Amino acid sequence: MEKAQKQVKDFMEAQGLSFSPEARMLDLVSEVGELAKEVLKGSDYGTAPLLPGAGLEEEMGDCLFSLLALCSATGLDAEKALAAALEKYVSRTARTGQVGSGR
């Protein structure tokens, strides 16, 4: 993931796309919304099993790009953040039998 984060950062720098973390967050939320639309279309609005298509892959890629760009904009290491999240979920599952926080 370090390589992917660096690729995104290098691309953004080469294109002059240095935006604030707040702008990066808005971009990520927008991309997640577009991904949600593709999931709805691919599952007949939740009434059928999801049929992944090119649109879903494209929007997933856009979300990953936006998330890695946000990590770079905030100075966070995406790989380290993912490792911490996985450790948290493993611990929570061992403790409660569930991945979710129950909030």
N, C-alpha and C. Protein backbone atom coordinates (compact mmCIF):
# COMPACT_ATOMS: atom_id res chain seq x y z
N MET A 1 0.82 -1.19 0.00
CA MET A 1 0.00 0.00 0.00
C MET A 1 0.87 1.26 0.00
N GLU A 2 2.06 1.13 0.54
CA GLU A 2 2.99 2.27 0.55
C GLU A 2 3.27 2.73 -0.87
N LYS A 3 3.45 1.76 -1.77
CA LYS A 3 3.72 2.08 -3.17
C LYS A 3 2.52 2.81 -3.79
N ALA A 4 1.33 2.34 -3.52
CA ALA A 4 0.12 2.98 -4.06
C ALA A 4 -0.04 4.39 -3.53
N GLN A 5 0.21 4.58 -2.24
CA GLN A 5 0.10 5.92 -1.67
C GLN A 5 1.11 6.87 -2.30
N LYS A 6 2.32 6.36 -2.54
CA LYS A 6 3.34 7.19 -3.17
C LYS A 6 2.97 7.52 -4.62
N GLN A 7 2.40 6.55 -5.33
CA GLN A 7 1.96 6.80 -6.71
C GLN A 7 0.92 7.92 -6.76
N VAL A 8 -0.03 7.87 -5.85
CA VAL A 8 -1.08 8.89 -5.80
C VAL A 8 -0.47 10.24 -5.45
N LYS A 9 0.40 10.26 -4.45
CA LYS A 9 1.04 11.51 -4.04
C LYS A 9 1.86 12.10 -5.18
N ASP A 10 2.66 11.27 -5.86
CA ASP A 10 3.47 11.73 -6.97
C ASP A 10 2.61 12.27 -8.10
N PHE A 11 1.52 11.58 -8.39
CA PHE A 11 0.61 12.04 -9.44
C PHE A 11 0.02 13.40 -9.09
N MET A 12 -0.44 13.52 -7.85
CA MET A 12 -1.05 14.79 -7.42
C MET A 12 -0.04 15.93 -7.51
N GLU A 13 1.18 15.68 -7.09
CA GLU A 13 2.23 16.70 -7.15
C GLU A 13 2.54 17.07 -8.60
N ALA A 14 2.64 16.08 -9.47
CA ALA A 14 2.94 16.33 -10.88
C ALA A 14 1.83 17.13 -11.57
N GLN A 15 0.61 16.96 -11.11
CA GLN A 15 -0.53 17.65 -11.69
C GLN A 15 -0.87 18.96 -10.97
N GLY A 16 -0.12 19.28 -9.93
CA GLY A 16 -0.39 20.49 -9.17
C GLY A 16 -1.69 20.41 -8.38
N LEU A 17 -2.00 19.23 -7.88
CA LEU A 17 -3.26 19.00 -7.16
C LEU A 17 -3.05 18.97 -5.65
N SER A 18 -2.48 20.01 -5.10
CA SER A 18 -2.27 20.05 -3.66
C SER A 18 -3.45 20.76 -3.01
N PHE A 19 -4.36 19.99 -2.47
CA PHE A 19 -5.55 20.52 -1.82
C PHE A 19 -5.48 20.26 -0.33
N SER A 20 -6.27 21.00 0.41
CA SER A 20 -6.31 20.83 1.87
C SER A 20 -6.92 19.48 2.23
N PRO A 21 -6.64 19.01 3.45
CA PRO A 21 -7.28 17.76 3.90
C PRO A 21 -8.80 17.86 3.85
N GLU A 22 -9.34 19.04 4.14
CA GLU A 22 -10.80 19.20 4.12
C GLU A 22 -11.35 18.99 2.70
N ALA A 23 -10.66 19.54 1.71
CA ALA A 23 -11.08 19.35 0.32
C ALA A 23 -10.94 17.89 -0.09
N ARG A 24 -9.87 17.24 0.37
CA ARG A 24 -9.67 15.82 0.08
C ARG A 24 -10.79 14.99 0.69
N MET A 25 -11.22 15.35 1.90
CA MET A 25 -12.31 14.63 2.56
C MET A 25 -13.61 14.78 1.78
N LEU A 26 -13.89 16.00 1.33
CA LEU A 26 -15.10 16.21 0.52
C LEU A 26 -15.05 15.39 -0.76
N ASP A 27 -13.88 15.32 -1.37
CA ASP A 27 -13.71 14.52 -2.57
C ASP A 27 -13.99 13.04 -2.28
N LEU A 28 -13.45 12.55 -1.16
CA LEU A 28 -13.67 11.15 -0.79
C LEU A 28 -15.16 10.86 -0.58
N VAL A 29 -15.83 11.74 0.13
CA VAL A 29 -17.26 11.53 0.38
C VAL A 29 -18.04 11.52 -0.93
N SER A 30 -17.69 12.42 -1.83
CA SER A 30 -18.34 12.46 -3.14
C SER A 30 -18.13 11.15 -3.89
N GLU A 31 -16.89 10.64 -3.86
CA GLU A 31 -16.60 9.38 -4.56
C GLU A 31 -17.32 8.20 -3.92
N VAL A 32 -17.45 8.19 -2.60
CA VAL A 32 -18.19 7.11 -1.93
C VAL A 32 -19.65 7.15 -2.35
N GLY A 33 -20.19 8.35 -2.51
CA GLY A 33 -21.56 8.48 -3.00
C GLY A 33 -21.73 7.89 -4.39
N GLU A 34 -20.75 8.14 -5.25
CA GLU A 34 -20.80 7.58 -6.61
C GLU A 34 -20.67 6.06 -6.57
N LEU A 35 -19.85 5.55 -5.65
CA LEU A 35 -19.73 4.10 -5.49
C LEU A 35 -21.06 3.51 -5.02
N ALA A 36 -21.71 4.19 -4.09
CA ALA A 36 -23.02 3.73 -3.60
C ALA A 36 -24.04 3.65 -4.74
N LYS A 37 -24.01 4.62 -5.64
CA LYS A 37 -24.92 4.60 -6.79
C LYS A 37 -24.68 3.36 -7.65
N GLU A 38 -23.39 3.04 -7.86
CA GLU A 38 -23.06 1.85 -8.66
C GLU A 38 -23.52 0.57 -7.97
N VAL A 39 -23.41 0.51 -6.65
CA VAL A 39 -23.89 -0.66 -5.91
C VAL A 39 -25.40 -0.78 -6.05
N LEU A 40 -26.09 0.35 -5.94
CA LEU A 40 -27.54 0.32 -6.10
C LEU A 40 -27.93 -0.14 -7.50
N LYS A 41 -27.28 0.39 -8.52
CA LYS A 41 -27.59 -0.02 -9.89
C LYS A 41 -27.26 -1.49 -10.10
N GLY A 42 -26.11 -1.93 -9.58
CA GLY A 42 -25.66 -3.31 -9.78
C GLY A 42 -26.43 -4.34 -8.99
N SER A 43 -27.25 -3.87 -8.05
CA SER A 43 -28.05 -4.80 -7.24
C SER A 43 -29.55 -4.54 -7.40
N ASP A 44 -29.90 -3.85 -8.47
CA ASP A 44 -31.30 -3.48 -8.71
C ASP A 44 -31.90 -2.85 -7.45
N TYR A 45 -31.17 -1.86 -6.95
CA TYR A 45 -31.54 -1.12 -5.74
C TYR A 45 -31.74 -2.03 -4.53
N GLY A 46 -30.80 -2.96 -4.39
CA GLY A 46 -30.78 -3.83 -3.21
C GLY A 46 -31.73 -5.00 -3.26
N THR A 47 -32.38 -5.23 -4.39
CA THR A 47 -33.34 -6.33 -4.48
C THR A 47 -32.75 -7.59 -5.10
N ALA A 48 -31.51 -7.51 -5.57
CA ALA A 48 -30.88 -8.66 -6.22
C ALA A 48 -29.41 -8.71 -5.79
N PRO A 49 -28.76 -9.86 -5.97
CA PRO A 49 -27.32 -9.93 -5.66
C PRO A 49 -26.55 -8.93 -6.52
N LEU A 50 -25.52 -8.37 -5.95
CA LEU A 50 -24.71 -7.38 -6.64
C LEU A 50 -23.98 -8.01 -7.82
N LEU A 51 -24.12 -7.40 -8.97
CA LEU A 51 -23.41 -7.81 -10.17
C LEU A 51 -22.35 -6.75 -10.46
N PRO A 52 -21.12 -7.02 -10.02
CA PRO A 52 -20.08 -6.01 -10.23
C PRO A 52 -19.81 -5.80 -11.71
N GLY A 53 -19.66 -4.55 -12.08
CA GLY A 53 -19.35 -4.22 -13.46
C GLY A 53 -18.23 -3.20 -13.52
N ALA A 54 -17.99 -2.71 -14.73
CA ALA A 54 -16.91 -1.75 -14.94
C ALA A 54 -17.14 -0.47 -14.14
N GLY A 55 -18.38 -0.05 -14.03
CA GLY A 55 -18.69 1.16 -13.26
C GLY A 55 -18.33 1.01 -11.79
N LEU A 56 -18.58 -0.16 -11.24
CA LEU A 56 -18.26 -0.42 -9.84
C LEU A 56 -16.75 -0.39 -9.63
N GLU A 57 -16.02 -1.03 -10.52
CA GLU A 57 -14.56 -1.03 -10.41
C GLU A 57 -13.99 0.38 -10.54
N GLU A 58 -14.52 1.15 -11.46
CA GLU A 58 -14.04 2.52 -11.65
C GLU A 58 -14.28 3.36 -10.40
N GLU A 59 -15.47 3.27 -9.84
CA GLU A 59 -15.78 4.06 -8.65
C GLU A 59 -15.00 3.58 -7.43
N MET A 60 -14.76 2.28 -7.34
CA MET A 60 -13.93 1.75 -6.25
C MET A 60 -12.52 2.32 -6.37
N GLY A 61 -12.00 2.36 -7.59
CA GLY A 61 -10.68 2.94 -7.83
C GLY A 61 -10.64 4.41 -7.45
N ASP A 62 -11.70 5.14 -7.80
CA ASP A 62 -11.76 6.56 -7.44
C ASP A 62 -11.77 6.74 -5.92
N CYS A 63 -12.49 5.86 -5.23
CA CYS A 63 -12.52 5.93 -3.75
C CYS A 63 -11.14 5.65 -3.17
N LEU A 64 -10.48 4.63 -3.68
CA LEU A 64 -9.13 4.31 -3.19
C LEU A 64 -8.17 5.47 -3.45
N PHE A 65 -8.24 6.04 -4.64
CA PHE A 65 -7.39 7.19 -4.97
C PHE A 65 -7.65 8.32 -3.98
N SER A 66 -8.92 8.63 -3.77
CA SER A 66 -9.28 9.74 -2.88
C SER A 66 -8.85 9.47 -1.44
N LEU A 67 -8.99 8.22 -1.00
CA LEU A 67 -8.58 7.88 0.37
C LEU A 67 -7.07 7.99 0.52
N LEU A 68 -6.32 7.50 -0.45
CA LEU A 68 -4.86 7.60 -0.37
C LEU A 68 -4.41 9.06 -0.48
N ALA A 69 -5.12 9.86 -1.28
CA ALA A 69 -4.81 11.29 -1.36
C ALA A 69 -5.08 11.97 -0.03
N LEU A 70 -6.14 11.57 0.65
CA LEU A 70 -6.45 12.13 1.97
C LEU A 70 -5.37 11.74 2.98
N CYS A 71 -4.93 10.50 2.92
CA CYS A 71 -3.85 10.07 3.81
C CYS A 71 -2.61 10.94 3.59
N SER A 72 -2.26 11.16 2.36
CA SER A 72 -1.09 11.99 2.06
C SER A 72 -1.29 13.43 2.52
N ALA A 73 -2.48 13.96 2.30
CA ALA A 73 -2.77 15.35 2.68
C ALA A 73 -2.70 15.55 4.19
N THR A 74 -2.97 14.49 4.94
CA THR A 74 -2.94 14.59 6.41
C THR A 74 -1.63 14.08 7.00
N GLY A 75 -0.75 13.56 6.14
CA GLY A 75 0.53 13.05 6.62
C GLY A 75 0.44 11.69 7.27
N LEU A 76 -0.65 10.97 7.01
CA LEU A 76 -0.83 9.64 7.60
C LEU A 76 -0.34 8.56 6.65
N ASP A 77 0.19 7.49 7.21
CA ASP A 77 0.63 6.33 6.45
C ASP A 77 -0.56 5.38 6.33
N ALA A 78 -1.07 5.19 5.12
CA ALA A 78 -2.26 4.37 4.90
C ALA A 78 -2.04 2.93 5.38
N GLU A 79 -0.87 2.40 5.13
CA GLU A 79 -0.58 1.02 5.52
C GLU A 79 -0.60 0.87 7.04
N LYS A 80 -0.02 1.83 7.73
CA LYS A 80 -0.01 1.81 9.19
C LYS A 80 -1.44 1.95 9.74
N ALA A 81 -2.23 2.82 9.13
CA ALA A 81 -3.62 3.01 9.56
C ALA A 81 -4.43 1.73 9.37
N LEU A 82 -4.21 1.05 8.24
CA LEU A 82 -4.92 -0.21 7.98
C LEU A 82 -4.49 -1.28 8.97
N ALA A 83 -3.20 -1.37 9.26
CA ALA A 83 -2.71 -2.36 10.23
C ALA A 83 -3.33 -2.13 11.60
N ALA A 84 -3.43 -0.87 12.00
CA ALA A 84 -4.04 -0.55 13.30
C ALA A 84 -5.52 -0.92 13.31
N ALA A 85 -6.21 -0.67 12.21
CA ALA A 85 -7.63 -1.02 12.13
C ALA A 85 -7.82 -2.54 12.20
N LEU A 86 -7.00 -3.28 11.47
CA LEU A 86 -7.11 -4.74 11.51
C LEU A 86 -6.83 -5.28 12.91
N GLU A 87 -5.84 -4.71 13.57
CA GLU A 87 -5.53 -5.13 14.94
C GLU A 87 -6.72 -4.85 15.86
N LYS A 88 -7.33 -3.69 15.69
CA LYS A 88 -8.51 -3.33 16.50
C LYS A 88 -9.65 -4.33 16.26
N TYR A 89 -9.89 -4.68 14.99
CA TYR A 89 -10.99 -5.60 14.68
C TYR A 89 -10.72 -7.01 15.20
N VAL A 90 -9.48 -7.45 15.12
CA VAL A 90 -9.13 -8.76 15.65
C VAL A 90 -9.37 -8.78 17.16
N SER A 91 -8.91 -7.74 17.84
CA SER A 91 -9.09 -7.65 19.28
C SER A 91 -10.57 -7.60 19.66
N ARG A 92 -11.32 -6.78 18.94
CA ARG A 92 -12.75 -6.63 19.24
C ARG A 92 -13.49 -7.95 19.01
N THR A 93 -13.15 -8.65 17.92
CA THR A 93 -13.81 -9.91 17.62
C THR A 93 -13.50 -10.94 18.70
N ALA A 94 -12.26 -10.96 19.16
CA ALA A 94 -11.88 -11.89 20.23
C ALA A 94 -12.62 -11.57 21.53
N ARG A 95 -12.80 -10.28 21.76
CA ARG A 95 -13.43 -9.83 23.01
C ARG A 95 -14.95 -9.97 22.99
N THR A 96 -15.59 -9.59 21.85
CA THR A 96 -17.05 -9.52 21.81
C THR A 96 -17.69 -10.53 20.86
N GLY A 97 -16.89 -11.14 19.99
CA GLY A 97 -17.44 -12.06 19.00
C GLY A 97 -17.98 -11.33 17.78
N GLN A 98 -17.83 -10.00 17.74
CA GLN A 98 -18.32 -9.20 16.62
C GLN A 98 -17.27 -8.21 16.16
N VAL A 99 -17.29 -7.90 14.89
CA VAL A 99 -16.36 -6.93 14.34
C VAL A 99 -16.82 -5.51 14.67
N GLY A 100 -18.13 -5.27 14.59
CA GLY A 100 -18.68 -3.94 14.82
C GLY A 100 -18.55 -3.49 16.26
N SER A 101 -18.58 -2.16 16.44
CA SER A 101 -18.43 -1.60 17.78
C SER A 101 -19.72 -1.64 18.58
N GLY A 102 -20.85 -1.88 17.90
CA GLY A 102 -22.12 -1.94 18.61
C GLY A 102 -22.68 -0.58 18.95
N ARG A 103 -22.15 0.45 18.32
CA ARG A 103 -22.65 1.80 18.58
C ARG A 103 -23.93 2.07 17.89
